[in-house]
Each structure stands twice: as structure tokens, then as C-alpha cells.
C-alpha atoms as a PDB file:
ATOM      1  CA  MET A   1     -13.790  -8.988   3.397  1.00  0.00           C
ATOM      2  CA  ILE A   2     -14.077  -5.675   1.613  1.00  0.00           C
ATOM      3  CA  ILE A   3     -11.679  -3.819  -0.671  1.00  0.00           C
ATOM      4  CA  ARG A   4     -12.536  -0.180   0.071  1.00  0.00           C
ATOM      5  CA  ILE A   5     -11.829   2.479  -2.554  1.00  0.00           C
ATOM      6  CA  ARG A   6     -11.087   5.559  -0.473  1.00  0.00           C
ATOM      7  CA  GLU A   7     -11.768   9.150  -1.473  1.00  0.00           C
ATOM      8  CA  ASN A   8      -8.014   9.753  -1.781  1.00  0.00           C
ATOM      9  CA  HIS A   9      -7.844   7.034  -4.512  1.00  0.00           C
ATOM     10  CA  THR A  10      -6.144   4.428  -2.313  1.00  0.00           C
ATOM     11  CA  LEU A  11      -7.330   0.982  -1.334  1.00  0.00           C
ATOM     12  CA  ALA A  12      -7.897  -0.508   2.105  1.00  0.00           C
ATOM     13  CA  LEU A  13      -8.893  -3.969   3.241  1.00  0.00           C
ATOM     14  CA  GLU A  14     -11.805  -3.846   5.678  1.00  0.00           C
ATOM     15  CA  ASP A  15     -13.488  -6.625   7.621  1.00  0.00           C
ATOM     16  CA  GLU A  16     -10.382  -8.664   6.904  1.00  0.00           C
ATOM     17  CA  ASP A  17     -11.350 -11.540   9.196  1.00  0.00           C
ATOM     18  CA  ASN A  18     -14.610 -12.164   7.348  1.00  0.00           C
ATOM     19  CA  PHE A  19     -13.782 -15.085   5.087  1.00  0.00           C
ATOM     20  CA  LYS A  20     -17.428 -15.660   4.112  1.00  0.00           C
ATOM     21  CA  GLY A  21     -17.772 -12.786   1.635  1.00  0.00           C
ATOM     22  CA  PHE A  22     -15.652 -10.657  -0.647  1.00  0.00           C
ATOM     23  CA  CYS A  23     -16.468  -7.476  -2.561  1.00  0.00           C
ATOM     24  CA  ILE A  24     -15.231  -4.055  -3.588  1.00  0.00           C
ATOM     25  CA  ARG A  25     -16.953  -1.063  -1.955  1.00  0.00           C
ATOM     26  CA  ALA A  26     -17.075   2.510  -3.215  1.00  0.00           C
ATOM     27  CA  GLN A  27     -18.935   5.628  -2.115  1.00  0.00           C
ATOM     28  CA  ASP A  28     -21.137   5.834  -5.209  1.00  0.00           C
ATOM     29  CA  SER A  29     -21.168   5.244  -8.946  1.00  0.00           C
ATOM     30  CA  ASN A  30     -19.182   8.461  -9.481  1.00  0.00           C
ATOM     31  CA  THR A  31     -16.202   7.091  -7.547  1.00  0.00           C
ATOM     32  CA  ASP A  32     -12.994   6.960  -9.571  1.00  0.00           C
ATOM     33  CA  LEU A  33     -12.143   3.263  -9.834  1.00  0.00           C
ATOM     34  CA  GLY A  34      -8.591   3.931 -11.005  1.00  0.00           C
ATOM     35  CA  ALA A  35      -7.153   2.724  -7.698  1.00  0.00           C
ATOM     36  CA  LEU A  36      -8.129  -0.803  -8.737  1.00  0.00           C
ATOM     37  CA  ASP A  37      -5.837  -0.678 -11.778  1.00  0.00           C
ATOM     38  CA  GLY A  38      -2.821  -1.735  -9.721  1.00  0.00           C
ATOM     39  CA  ILE A  39      -4.423  -4.955  -8.478  1.00  0.00           C
ATOM     40  CA  THR A  40      -6.848  -5.822 -11.285  1.00  0.00           C
ATOM     41  CA  LYS A  41      -5.786  -8.451 -13.792  1.00  0.00           C
ATOM     42  CA  ARG A  42      -8.932  -8.359 -15.911  1.00  0.00           C
ATOM     43  CA  VAL A  43     -12.586  -7.346 -15.875  1.00  0.00           C
ATOM     44  CA  GLU A  44     -15.393  -9.624 -17.038  1.00  0.00           C
ATOM     45  CA  GLU A  45     -19.093  -8.786 -17.006  1.00  0.00           C
ATOM     46  CA  GLY A  46     -18.647  -6.056 -14.389  1.00  0.00           C
ATOM     47  CA  ASN A  47     -16.573  -8.265 -12.096  1.00  0.00           C
ATOM     48  CA  TYR A  48     -12.952  -7.548 -11.310  1.00  0.00           C
ATOM     49  CA  TRP A  49     -10.350 -10.297 -11.176  1.00  0.00           C
ATOM     50  CA  LEU A  50      -7.942  -9.152  -8.480  1.00  0.00           C
ATOM     51  CA  ASP A  51      -4.404 -10.300  -7.871  1.00  0.00           C
ATOM     52  CA  ALA A  52      -4.698 -12.363  -4.671  1.00  0.00           C
ATOM     53  CA  LEU A  53      -1.170 -11.422  -3.585  1.00  0.00           C
ATOM     54  CA  ALA A  54      -2.047  -7.731  -3.932  1.00  0.00           C
ATOM     55  CA  VAL A  55      -5.138  -8.294  -1.780  1.00  0.00           C
ATOM     56  CA  ILE A  56      -2.956  -9.980   0.829  1.00  0.00           C
ATOM     57  CA  ALA A  57      -0.588  -6.998   0.745  1.00  0.00           C
ATOM     58  CA  LEU A  58      -3.496  -4.735   1.749  1.00  0.00           C
ATOM     59  CA  SER A  59      -4.057  -6.708   4.944  1.00  0.00           C
ATOM     60  CA  SER A  60      -2.611  -5.708   8.293  1.00  0.00           C
ATOM     61  CA  LYS A  61      -2.316  -9.464   8.899  1.00  0.00           C
ATOM     62  CA  SER A  62      -0.417 -10.266   5.710  1.00  0.00           C
ATOM     63  CA  THR A  63       2.363 -12.031   7.608  1.00  0.00           C
ATOM     64  CA  GLU A  64       0.161 -14.046   9.977  1.00  0.00           C
ATOM     65  CA  LYS A  65       0.128 -17.732   9.020  1.00  0.00           C
ATOM     66  CA  THR A  66      -3.386 -18.363  10.338  1.00  0.00           C
ATOM     67  CA  TRP A  67      -4.821 -15.422   8.414  1.00  0.00           C
ATOM     68  CA  LEU A  68      -3.029 -16.465   5.229  1.00  0.00           C
ATOM     69  CA  ASP A  69      -4.243 -20.052   5.597  1.00  0.00           C
ATOM     70  CA  ASN A  70      -7.822 -18.785   6.027  1.00  0.00           C
ATOM     71  CA  PHE A  71      -7.490 -16.504   2.997  1.00  0.00           C
ATOM     72  CA  TRP A  72      -6.272 -19.283   0.702  1.00  0.00           C
ATOM     73  CA  THR A  73      -8.924 -21.647   2.094  1.00  0.00           C
ATOM     74  CA  MET A  74     -11.564 -19.021   1.243  1.00  0.00           C
ATOM     75  CA  LEU A  75     -10.278 -18.878  -2.330  1.00  0.00           C
ATOM     76  CA  ALA A  76     -10.167 -22.668  -2.617  1.00  0.00           C
ATOM     77  CA  SER A  77     -13.785 -22.831  -1.408  1.00  0.00           C
ATOM     78  CA  ALA A  78     -14.837 -20.153  -3.910  1.00  0.00           C
ATOM     79  CA  GLU A  79     -13.027 -21.638  -6.901  1.00  0.00           C
ATOM     80  CA  PRO A  80     -15.649 -24.297  -7.802  1.00  0.00           C
ATOM     81  CA  TYR A  81     -18.202 -21.464  -8.073  1.00  0.00           C
ATOM     82  CA  GLY A  82     -16.030 -19.351 -10.391  1.00  0.00           C
ATOM     83  CA  TYR A  83     -15.044 -16.722  -7.830  1.00  0.00           C
ATOM     84  CA  ALA A  84     -11.373 -17.630  -7.633  1.00  0.00           C
ATOM     85  CA  ASP A  85      -8.624 -19.074  -9.781  1.00  0.00           C
ATOM     86  CA  LEU A  86      -5.952 -20.585  -7.545  1.00  0.00           C
ATOM     87  CA  LYS A  87      -3.558 -21.424 -10.376  1.00  0.00           C
ATOM     88  CA  ALA A  88      -3.570 -17.804 -11.561  1.00  0.00           C
ATOM     89  CA  GLN A  89      -3.854 -16.526  -7.955  1.00  0.00           C
ATOM     90  CA  LEU A  90      -6.918 -14.409  -8.727  1.00  0.00           C
ATOM     91  CA  VAL A  91     -10.084 -13.635  -6.805  1.00  0.00           C
ATOM     92  CA  ARG A  92     -13.230 -12.266  -8.437  1.00  0.00           C
ATOM     93  CA  ALA A  93     -15.154  -9.396  -6.886  1.00  0.00           C
ATOM     94  CA  HIS A  94     -18.061  -7.145  -7.778  1.00  0.00           C
ATOM     95  CA  ILE A  95     -18.535  -3.521  -6.761  1.00  0.00           C
ATOM     96  CA  GLU A  96     -21.097  -2.453  -4.189  1.00  0.00           C
ATOM     97  CA  TYR A  97     -21.901   1.187  -3.482  1.00  0.00           C
ATOM     98  CA  ASP A  98     -22.538   2.893  -0.133  1.00  0.00           C
ATOM     99  CA  ILE A  99     -25.044   5.139  -1.862  1.00  0.00           C
ATOM    100  CA  PRO A 100     -27.333   3.052  -4.101  1.00  0.00           C
ATOM    101  CA  GLN A 101     -27.290   3.777  -7.812  1.00  0.00           C
ATOM    102  CA  LYS A 102     -30.294   5.547  -9.261  1.00  0.00           C
END
């Protein structure tokens, strides 16, 4: 699952049926990350804590029970490793770039 920061400063959820991985993707290190402000609750050590409900809202399957169950199961599986906080409804993600940083 990928949160894509688009050139027009909007967000999209890509690969939304991949419940094995989660990250934020941007074109390169010059990409304006301001689009994340609306869904980011806090930033720690270069990782973004995203509002899980806002991530769900980005999905074209946000009303499908099976997809929602899989999403919350993914977060529950990630929580023991520090990548989710179910009580606060947050998911942690790092940024990856399409064009590697120099």
C-alpha cells in the first residue's frame, strides 16, 4: 500500500490491496510534502504517523467491509513492531523516492 504524493499536491492510495507493506512515495527529495499535513498527526525520526481514518478515506474501497477488515488486520499485525497504534488509530510510514536521493 502506497500513499502517493502527486505533482498537483494531492494524495492518492496506490496498490491498495497490498496489505504486506506501507509507505509514502514521492517523485524526489524536492517534492513538496505539504499534502501530508492533512493526514499527519506527528513526525518522529523521519517517519510520519498518519491518521488511519484519513488513509481509509483515500481508498476507492473505503466502504468495503472485507477491505476495511484487511486494513485493520494489517495495522494490528504491525502494532507489535511499532508501525501502528490502534488505540490512537495511527499508522507509521516512511518516505521512498522514485528518483533516488544523491
